[in-house]
PDB file of all heavy atoms in Angstrom:
ATOM      1  N   LEU A   1     -81.184 156.325 121.800  1.00  0.00           N
ATOM      2  CA  LEU A   1     -81.942 155.587 122.636  1.00  0.00           C
ATOM      3  C   LEU A   1     -81.595 155.908 124.119  1.00  0.00           C
ATOM      4  O   LEU A   1     -82.550 156.000 125.022  1.00  0.00           O
ATOM      5  CB  LEU A   1     -81.876 154.081 122.370  1.00  0.00           C
ATOM      6  CG  LEU A   1     -82.636 153.190 123.177  1.00  0.00           C
ATOM      7  CD1 LEU A   1     -84.118 153.469 123.104  1.00  0.00           C
ATOM      8  CD2 LEU A   1     -82.487 151.649 122.785  1.00  0.00           C
ATOM      9  N   PRO A   2     -80.289 155.894 124.543  1.00  0.00           N
ATOM     10  CA  PRO A   2     -79.984 156.109 125.944  1.00  0.00           C
ATOM     11  C   PRO A   2     -80.505 157.506 126.427  1.00  0.00           C
ATOM     12  O   PRO A   2     -81.049 157.597 127.524  1.00  0.00           O
ATOM     13  CB  PRO A   2     -78.433 156.049 125.977  1.00  0.00           C
ATOM     14  CG  PRO A   2     -78.053 155.417 124.833  1.00  0.00           C
ATOM     15  CD  PRO A   2     -79.095 155.638 123.744  1.00  0.00           C
ATOM     16  N   SER A   3     -80.343 158.531 125.587  1.00  0.00           N
ATOM     17  CA  SER A   3     -80.842 159.833 125.940  1.00  0.00           C
ATOM     18  C   SER A   3     -82.292 159.867 126.281  1.00  0.00           C
ATOM     19  O   SER A   3     -82.775 160.410 127.299  1.00  0.00           O
ATOM     20  CB  SER A   3     -80.627 160.823 124.827  1.00  0.00           C
ATOM     21  OG  SER A   3     -79.187 161.059 124.534  1.00  0.00           O
ATOM     22  N   ALA A   4     -83.071 159.183 125.399  1.00  0.00           N
ATOM     23  CA  ALA A   4     -84.631 159.193 125.645  1.00  0.00           C
ATOM     24  C   ALA A   4     -84.951 158.369 126.855  1.00  0.00           C
ATOM     25  O   ALA A   4     -85.767 158.817 127.680  1.00  0.00           O
ATOM     26  CB  ALA A   4     -85.263 158.580 124.325  1.00  0.00           C
ATOM     27  N   LEU A   5     -84.311 157.222 127.138  1.00  0.00           N
ATOM     28  CA  LEU A   5     -84.633 156.412 128.292  1.00  0.00           C
ATOM     29  C   LEU A   5     -84.269 157.085 129.554  1.00  0.00           C
ATOM     30  O   LEU A   5     -85.148 157.043 130.506  1.00  0.00           O
ATOM     31  CB  LEU A   5     -83.944 155.015 128.147  1.00  0.00           C
ATOM     32  CG  LEU A   5     -84.371 154.106 127.038  1.00  0.00           C
ATOM     33  CD1 LEU A   5     -83.475 152.828 126.934  1.00  0.00           C
ATOM     34  CD2 LEU A   5     -85.816 153.747 127.288  1.00  0.00           C
ATOM     35  N   LEU A   6     -83.127 157.810 129.571  1.00  0.00           N
ATOM     36  CA  LEU A   6     -82.691 158.377 130.813  1.00  0.00           C
ATOM     37  C   LEU A   6     -83.555 159.711 131.120  1.00  0.00           C
ATOM     38  O   LEU A   6     -83.974 159.769 132.296  1.00  0.00           O
ATOM     39  CB  LEU A   6     -81.284 158.784 130.690  1.00  0.00           C
ATOM     40  CG  LEU A   6     -80.161 157.694 130.816  1.00  0.00           C
ATOM     41  CD1 LEU A   6     -78.827 158.187 130.469  1.00  0.00           C
ATOM     42  CD2 LEU A   6     -80.214 157.084 132.137  1.00  0.00           C
ATOM     43  N   VAL A   7     -83.900 160.442 130.040  1.00  0.00           N
ATOM     44  CA  VAL A   7     -84.671 161.684 130.387  1.00  0.00           C
ATOM     45  C   VAL A   7     -86.033 161.278 130.845  1.00  0.00           C
ATOM     46  O   VAL A   7     -86.588 162.001 131.784  1.00  0.00           O
ATOM     47  CB  VAL A   7     -84.589 162.654 129.193  1.00  0.00           C
ATOM     48  CG1 VAL A   7     -85.567 162.223 128.068  1.00  0.00           C
ATOM     49  CG2 VAL A   7     -84.947 164.029 129.620  1.00  0.00           C
ATOM     50  N   LEU A   8     -86.704 160.365 130.199  1.00  0.00           N
ATOM     51  CA  LEU A   8     -88.014 159.974 130.607  1.00  0.00           C
ATOM     52  C   LEU A   8     -88.178 159.251 131.938  1.00  0.00           C
ATOM     53  O   LEU A   8     -89.239 159.214 132.566  1.00  0.00           O
ATOM     54  CB  LEU A   8     -88.699 159.088 129.514  1.00  0.00           C
ATOM     55  CG  LEU A   8     -88.911 159.805 128.183  1.00  0.00           C
ATOM     56  CD1 LEU A   8     -89.473 158.889 127.132  1.00  0.00           C
ATOM     57  CD2 LEU A   8     -89.889 160.993 128.304  1.00  0.00           C
ATOM     58  N   PHE A   9     -86.981 158.721 132.353  1.00  0.00           N
ATOM     59  CA  PHE A   9     -87.035 158.146 133.743  1.00  0.00           C
ATOM     60  C   PHE A   9     -86.734 159.158 134.822  1.00  0.00           C
ATOM     61  O   PHE A   9     -87.496 159.212 135.748  1.00  0.00           O
ATOM     62  CB  PHE A   9     -85.945 157.028 133.834  1.00  0.00           C
ATOM     63  CG  PHE A   9     -85.665 156.578 135.259  1.00  0.00           C
ATOM     64  CD1 PHE A   9     -86.658 155.734 135.897  1.00  0.00           C
ATOM     65  CD2 PHE A   9     -84.538 156.937 135.878  1.00  0.00           C
ATOM     66  CE1 PHE A   9     -86.411 155.245 137.203  1.00  0.00           C
ATOM     67  CE2 PHE A   9     -84.298 156.515 137.250  1.00  0.00           C
ATOM     68  CZ  PHE A   9     -85.244 155.621 137.766  1.00  0.00           C
ATOM     69  N   PHE A  10     -85.705 159.988 134.572  1.00  0.00           N
ATOM     70  CA  PHE A  10     -85.341 160.965 135.714  1.00  0.00           C
ATOM     71  C   PHE A  10     -86.281 162.132 135.790  1.00  0.00           C
ATOM     72  O   PHE A  10     -86.377 162.672 136.832  1.00  0.00           O
ATOM     73  CB  PHE A  10     -83.889 161.352 135.470  1.00  0.00           C
ATOM     74  CG  PHE A  10     -82.848 160.317 135.924  1.00  0.00           C
ATOM     75  CD1 PHE A  10     -82.164 159.605 135.043  1.00  0.00           C
ATOM     76  CD2 PHE A  10     -82.705 160.047 137.290  1.00  0.00           C
ATOM     77  CE1 PHE A  10     -81.184 158.658 135.390  1.00  0.00           C
ATOM     78  CE2 PHE A  10     -81.812 159.156 137.720  1.00  0.00           C
ATOM     79  CZ  PHE A  10     -81.099 158.454 136.784  1.00  0.00           C
ATOM     80  N   PHE A  11     -86.912 162.540 134.641  1.00  0.00           N
ATOM     81  CA  PHE A  11     -87.719 163.768 134.841  1.00  0.00           C
ATOM     82  C   PHE A  11     -88.846 163.725 135.758  1.00  0.00           C
ATOM     83  O   PHE A  11     -89.068 164.603 136.548  1.00  0.00           O
ATOM     84  CB  PHE A  11     -88.176 164.274 133.454  1.00  0.00           C
ATOM     85  CG  PHE A  11     -88.886 165.511 133.449  1.00  0.00           C
ATOM     86  CD1 PHE A  11     -88.181 166.759 133.712  1.00  0.00           C
ATOM     87  CD2 PHE A  11     -90.249 165.619 133.363  1.00  0.00           C
ATOM     88  CE1 PHE A  11     -88.916 167.895 133.751  1.00  0.00           C
ATOM     89  CE2 PHE A  11     -91.010 166.880 133.454  1.00  0.00           C
ATOM     90  CZ  PHE A  11     -90.250 168.049 133.657  1.00  0.00           C
ATOM     91  N   PRO A  12     -89.581 162.595 135.807  1.00  0.00           N
ATOM     92  CA  PRO A  12     -90.577 162.547 136.763  1.00  0.00           C
ATOM     93  C   PRO A  12     -90.075 162.552 138.203  1.00  0.00           C
ATOM     94  O   PRO A  12     -90.767 163.117 139.023  1.00  0.00           O
ATOM     95  CB  PRO A  12     -91.384 161.171 136.468  1.00  0.00           C
ATOM     96  CG  PRO A  12     -91.127 160.952 135.048  1.00  0.00           C
ATOM     97  CD  PRO A  12     -89.734 161.563 134.812  1.00  0.00           C
ATOM     98  N   ILE A  13     -88.938 161.994 138.384  1.00  0.00           N
ATOM     99  CA  ILE A  13     -88.370 161.998 139.771  1.00  0.00           C
ATOM    100  C   ILE A  13     -88.055 163.467 140.120  1.00  0.00           C
ATOM    101  O   ILE A  13     -88.345 163.998 141.153  1.00  0.00           O
ATOM    102  CB  ILE A  13     -87.051 161.231 139.802  1.00  0.00           C
ATOM    103  CG1 ILE A  13     -87.399 159.800 139.678  1.00  0.00           C
ATOM    104  CG2 ILE A  13     -86.315 161.425 141.105  1.00  0.00           C
ATOM    105  CD1 ILE A  13     -86.174 158.806 139.517  1.00  0.00           C
ATOM    106  N   TRP A  14     -87.348 164.231 139.143  1.00  0.00           N
ATOM    107  CA  TRP A  14     -87.104 165.632 139.354  1.00  0.00           C
ATOM    108  C   TRP A  14     -88.296 166.403 139.611  1.00  0.00           C
ATOM    109  O   TRP A  14     -88.367 167.275 140.501  1.00  0.00           O
ATOM    110  CB  TRP A  14     -86.331 166.130 138.127  1.00  0.00           C
ATOM    111  CG  TRP A  14     -86.194 167.623 138.094  1.00  0.00           C
ATOM    112  CD1 TRP A  14     -86.975 168.533 137.372  1.00  0.00           C
ATOM    113  CD2 TRP A  14     -85.222 168.386 138.753  1.00  0.00           C
ATOM    114  NE1 TRP A  14     -86.522 169.758 137.514  1.00  0.00           N
ATOM    115  CE2 TRP A  14     -85.416 169.740 138.462  1.00  0.00           C
ATOM    116  CE3 TRP A  14     -84.120 168.087 139.546  1.00  0.00           C
ATOM    117  CZ2 TRP A  14     -84.583 170.770 138.817  1.00  0.00           C
ATOM    118  CZ3 TRP A  14     -83.399 169.180 140.080  1.00  0.00           C
ATOM    119  CH2 TRP A  14     -83.571 170.522 139.665  1.00  0.00           C
ATOM    120  N   ASN A  15     -89.364 166.288 138.904  1.00  0.00           N
ATOM    121  CA  ASN A  15     -90.573 166.950 139.006  1.00  0.00           C
ATOM    122  C   ASN A  15     -91.192 166.755 140.357  1.00  0.00           C
ATOM    123  O   ASN A  15     -91.762 167.629 140.964  1.00  0.00           O
ATOM    124  CB  ASN A  15     -91.613 166.515 137.890  1.00  0.00           C
ATOM    125  CG  ASN A  15     -92.866 167.339 137.859  1.00  0.00           C
ATOM    126  OD1 ASN A  15     -92.822 168.490 137.353  1.00  0.00           O
ATOM    127  ND2 ASN A  15     -93.975 166.777 138.339  1.00  0.00           N
ATOM    128  N   ASN A  16     -91.207 165.454 140.842  1.00  0.00           N
ATOM    129  CA  ASN A  16     -91.849 165.185 142.171  1.00  0.00           C
ATOM    130  C   ASN A  16     -90.930 165.712 143.281  1.00  0.00           C
ATOM    131  O   ASN A  16     -91.511 165.975 144.395  1.00  0.00           O
ATOM    132  CB  ASN A  16     -91.978 163.631 142.254  1.00  0.00           C
ATOM    133  CG  ASN A  16     -92.985 163.039 141.354  1.00  0.00           C
ATOM    134  OD1 ASN A  16     -93.797 163.761 140.713  1.00  0.00           O
ATOM    135  ND2 ASN A  16     -92.923 161.754 141.092  1.00  0.00           N
ATOM    136  N   MET A  17     -89.653 165.860 143.047  1.00  0.00           N
ATOM    137  CA  MET A  17     -88.783 166.413 144.120  1.00  0.00           C
ATOM    138  C   MET A  17     -88.857 167.911 144.280  1.00  0.00           C
ATOM    139  O   MET A  17     -88.394 168.435 145.298  1.00  0.00           O
ATOM    140  CB  MET A  17     -87.349 166.052 143.877  1.00  0.00           C
ATOM    141  CG  MET A  17     -87.094 164.533 144.022  1.00  0.00           C
ATOM    142  SD  MET A  17     -85.417 164.038 143.528  1.00  0.00           S
ATOM    143  CE  MET A  17     -84.425 165.028 144.699  1.00  0.00           C
ATOM    144  N   LYS A  18     -89.494 168.561 143.363  1.00  0.00           N
ATOM    145  CA  LYS A  18     -89.578 170.076 143.428  1.00  0.00           C
ATOM    146  C   LYS A  18     -90.394 170.535 144.583  1.00  0.00           C
ATOM    147  O   LYS A  18     -90.365 171.662 145.005  1.00  0.00           O
ATOM    148  CB  LYS A  18     -90.138 170.629 142.194  1.00  0.00           C
ATOM    149  CG  LYS A  18     -89.131 170.578 141.030  1.00  0.00           C
ATOM    150  CD  LYS A  18     -89.561 171.423 139.844  1.00  0.00           C
ATOM    151  CE  LYS A  18     -90.692 170.930 139.190  1.00  0.00           C
ATOM    152  NZ  LYS A  18     -91.075 171.755 137.934  1.00  0.00           N
ATOM    153  N   LYS A  19     -91.246 169.716 145.243  1.00  0.00           N
ATOM    154  CA  LYS A  19     -92.046 170.084 146.447  1.00  0.00           C
ATOM    155  C   LYS A  19     -91.144 170.171 147.640  1.00  0.00           C
ATOM    156  O   LYS A  19     -91.563 170.886 148.605  1.00  0.00           O
ATOM    157  CB  LYS A  19     -93.242 169.055 146.641  1.00  0.00           C
ATOM    158  CG  LYS A  19     -92.670 167.730 147.060  1.00  0.00           C
ATOM    159  CD  LYS A  19     -93.808 166.745 147.220  1.00  0.00           C
ATOM    160  CE  LYS A  19     -93.351 165.237 147.612  1.00  0.00           C
ATOM    161  NZ  LYS A  19     -94.489 164.420 147.762  1.00  0.00           N
ATOM    162  N   TYR A  20     -89.953 169.738 147.588  1.00  0.00           N
ATOM    163  CA  TYR A  20     -89.031 169.806 148.733  1.00  0.00           C
ATOM    164  C   TYR A  20     -88.218 171.092 148.629  1.00  0.00           C
ATOM    165  O   TYR A  20     -87.792 171.615 147.528  1.00  0.00           O
ATOM    166  CB  TYR A  20     -88.046 168.674 148.772  1.00  0.00           C
ATOM    167  CG  TYR A  20     -88.761 167.308 148.906  1.00  0.00           C
ATOM    168  CD1 TYR A  20     -88.794 166.475 147.893  1.00  0.00           C
ATOM    169  CD2 TYR A  20     -89.318 166.944 150.134  1.00  0.00           C
ATOM    170  CE1 TYR A  20     -89.468 165.198 148.032  1.00  0.00           C
ATOM    171  CE2 TYR A  20     -89.895 165.757 150.279  1.00  0.00           C
ATOM    172  CZ  TYR A  20     -90.066 164.842 149.235  1.00  0.00           C
ATOM    173  OH  TYR A  20     -90.690 163.665 149.367  1.00  0.00           O
ATOM    174  N   ALA A  21     -88.045 171.806 149.801  1.00  0.00           N
ATOM    175  CA  ALA A  21     -87.456 173.109 149.823  1.00  0.00           C
ATOM    176  C   ALA A  21     -86.061 173.107 149.254  1.00  0.00           C
ATOM    177  O   ALA A  21     -85.706 173.987 148.426  1.00  0.00           O
ATOM    178  CB  ALA A  21     -87.380 173.616 151.260  1.00  0.00           C
ATOM    179  N   ALA A  22     -85.302 172.120 149.474  1.00  0.00           N
ATOM    180  CA  ALA A  22     -83.924 172.041 148.922  1.00  0.00           C
ATOM    181  C   ALA A  22     -83.800 172.041 147.381  1.00  0.00           C
ATOM    182  O   ALA A  22     -83.095 172.764 146.750  1.00  0.00           O
ATOM    183  CB  ALA A  22     -83.139 170.894 149.437  1.00  0.00           C
ATOM    184  N   VAL A  23     -84.804 171.363 146.836  1.00  0.00           N
ATOM    185  CA  VAL A  23     -84.821 171.210 145.359  1.00  0.00           C
ATOM    186  C   VAL A  23     -85.361 172.534 144.728  1.00  0.00           C
ATOM    187  O   VAL A  23     -84.861 173.114 143.801  1.00  0.00           O
ATOM    188  CB  VAL A  23     -85.621 170.019 144.925  1.00  0.00           C
ATOM    189  CG1 VAL A  23     -85.783 170.027 143.366  1.00  0.00           C
ATOM    190  CG2 VAL A  23     -85.012 168.759 145.436  1.00  0.00           C
ATOM    191  N   TYR A  24     -86.430 173.037 145.382  1.00  0.00           N
ATOM    192  CA  TYR A  24     -87.158 174.264 144.828  1.00  0.00           C
ATOM    193  C   TYR A  24     -86.186 175.500 144.907  1.00  0.00           C
ATOM    194  O   TYR A  24     -86.053 176.139 143.951  1.00  0.00           O
ATOM    195  CB  TYR A  24     -88.333 174.489 145.639  1.00  0.00           C
ATOM    196  CG  TYR A  24     -89.112 175.743 145.104  1.00  0.00           C
ATOM    197  CD1 TYR A  24     -89.961 175.614 144.075  1.00  0.00           C
ATOM    198  CD2 TYR A  24     -88.956 177.099 145.589  1.00  0.00           C
ATOM    199  CE1 TYR A  24     -90.704 176.705 143.435  1.00  0.00           C
ATOM    200  CE2 TYR A  24     -89.571 178.160 145.011  1.00  0.00           C
ATOM    201  CZ  TYR A  24     -90.490 177.950 144.022  1.00  0.00           C
ATOM    202  OH  TYR A  24     -91.121 179.045 143.465  1.00  0.00           O
ATOM    203  N   ARG A  25     -85.432 175.529 146.013  1.00  0.00           N
ATOM    204  CA  ARG A  25     -84.514 176.666 146.163  1.00  0.00           C
ATOM    205  C   ARG A  25     -83.418 176.559 145.231  1.00  0.00           C
ATOM    206  O   ARG A  25     -82.845 177.552 144.807  1.00  0.00           O
ATOM    207  CB  ARG A  25     -83.953 176.784 147.598  1.00  0.00           C
ATOM    208  CG  ARG A  25     -85.008 177.199 148.626  1.00  0.00           C
ATOM    209  CD  ARG A  25     -84.530 177.023 150.031  1.00  0.00           C
ATOM    210  NE  ARG A  25     -85.510 177.530 150.987  1.00  0.00           N
ATOM    211  CZ  ARG A  25     -85.497 177.117 152.250  1.00  0.00           C
ATOM    212  NH1 ARG A  25     -84.624 176.270 152.754  1.00  0.00           N
ATOM    213  NH2 ARG A  25     -86.485 177.618 153.083  1.00  0.00           N
ATOM    214  N   SER A  26     -82.937 175.325 144.854  1.00  0.00           N
ATOM    215  CA  SER A  26     -81.862 175.100 143.928  1.00  0.00           C
ATOM    216  C   SER A  26     -82.220 175.703 142.525  1.00  0.00           C
ATOM    217  O   SER A  26     -81.301 176.117 141.684  1.00  0.00           O
ATOM    218  CB  SER A  26     -81.480 173.735 143.850  1.00  0.00           C
ATOM    219  OG  SER A  26     -82.481 172.970 143.113  1.00  0.00           O
ATOM    220  N   LEU A  27     -83.480 175.735 142.234  1.00  0.00           N
ATOM    221  CA  LEU A  27     -83.896 176.222 140.907  1.00  0.00           C
ATOM    222  C   LEU A  27     -83.545 177.766 140.608  1.00  0.00           C
ATOM    223  O   LEU A  27     -83.185 178.059 139.399  1.00  0.00           O
ATOM    224  CB  LEU A  27     -85.384 176.110 140.680  1.00  0.00           C
ATOM    225  CG  LEU A  27     -85.907 174.711 140.444  1.00  0.00           C
ATOM    226  CD1 LEU A  27     -87.427 174.717 140.498  1.00  0.00           C
ATOM    227  CD2 LEU A  27     -85.408 173.947 139.366  1.00  0.00           C
ATOM    228  N   GLU A  28     -83.505 178.480 141.628  1.00  0.00           N
ATOM    229  CA  GLU A  28     -83.065 179.856 141.427  1.00  0.00           C
ATOM    230  C   GLU A  28     -81.639 179.935 141.108  1.00  0.00           C
ATOM    231  O   GLU A  28     -81.278 180.753 140.178  1.00  0.00           O
ATOM    232  CB  GLU A  28     -83.190 180.633 142.838  1.00  0.00           C
ATOM    233  CG  GLU A  28     -82.948 182.097 142.716  1.00  0.00           C
ATOM    234  CD  GLU A  28     -83.041 182.853 144.109  1.00  0.00           C
ATOM    235  OE1 GLU A  28     -82.853 182.143 145.123  1.00  0.00           O
ATOM    236  OE2 GLU A  28     -83.296 184.072 144.098  1.00  0.00           O
ATOM    237  N   GLY A  29     -80.716 179.175 141.593  1.00  0.00           N
ATOM    238  CA  GLY A  29     -79.364 179.183 141.300  1.00  0.00           C
ATOM    239  C   GLY A  29     -79.065 178.561 139.937  1.00  0.00           C
ATOM    240  O   GLY A  29     -78.269 178.958 139.065  1.00  0.00           O
ATOM    241  N   ILE A  30     -79.863 177.493 139.562  1.00  0.00           N
ATOM    242  CA  ILE A  30     -79.653 176.700 138.348  1.00  0.00           C
ATOM    243  C   ILE A  30     -80.056 177.595 137.257  1.00  0.00           C
ATOM    244  O   ILE A  30     -79.283 177.665 136.170  1.00  0.00           O
ATOM    245  CB  ILE A  30     -80.511 175.394 138.344  1.00  0.00           C
ATOM    246  CG1 ILE A  30     -79.897 174.411 139.343  1.00  0.00           C
ATOM    247  CG2 ILE A  30     -80.663 174.877 136.956  1.00  0.00           C
ATOM    248  CD1 ILE A  30     -80.828 173.179 139.650  1.00  0.00           C
TER     249      ILE A  30
END
């Protein structure tokens, strides 16, 4: 249950943040 609640909460935040340069550039290194 904790895994599901956390991933479904944080993923939309992560997805929305990809429009920012710092987050988008980090994907190359990740």
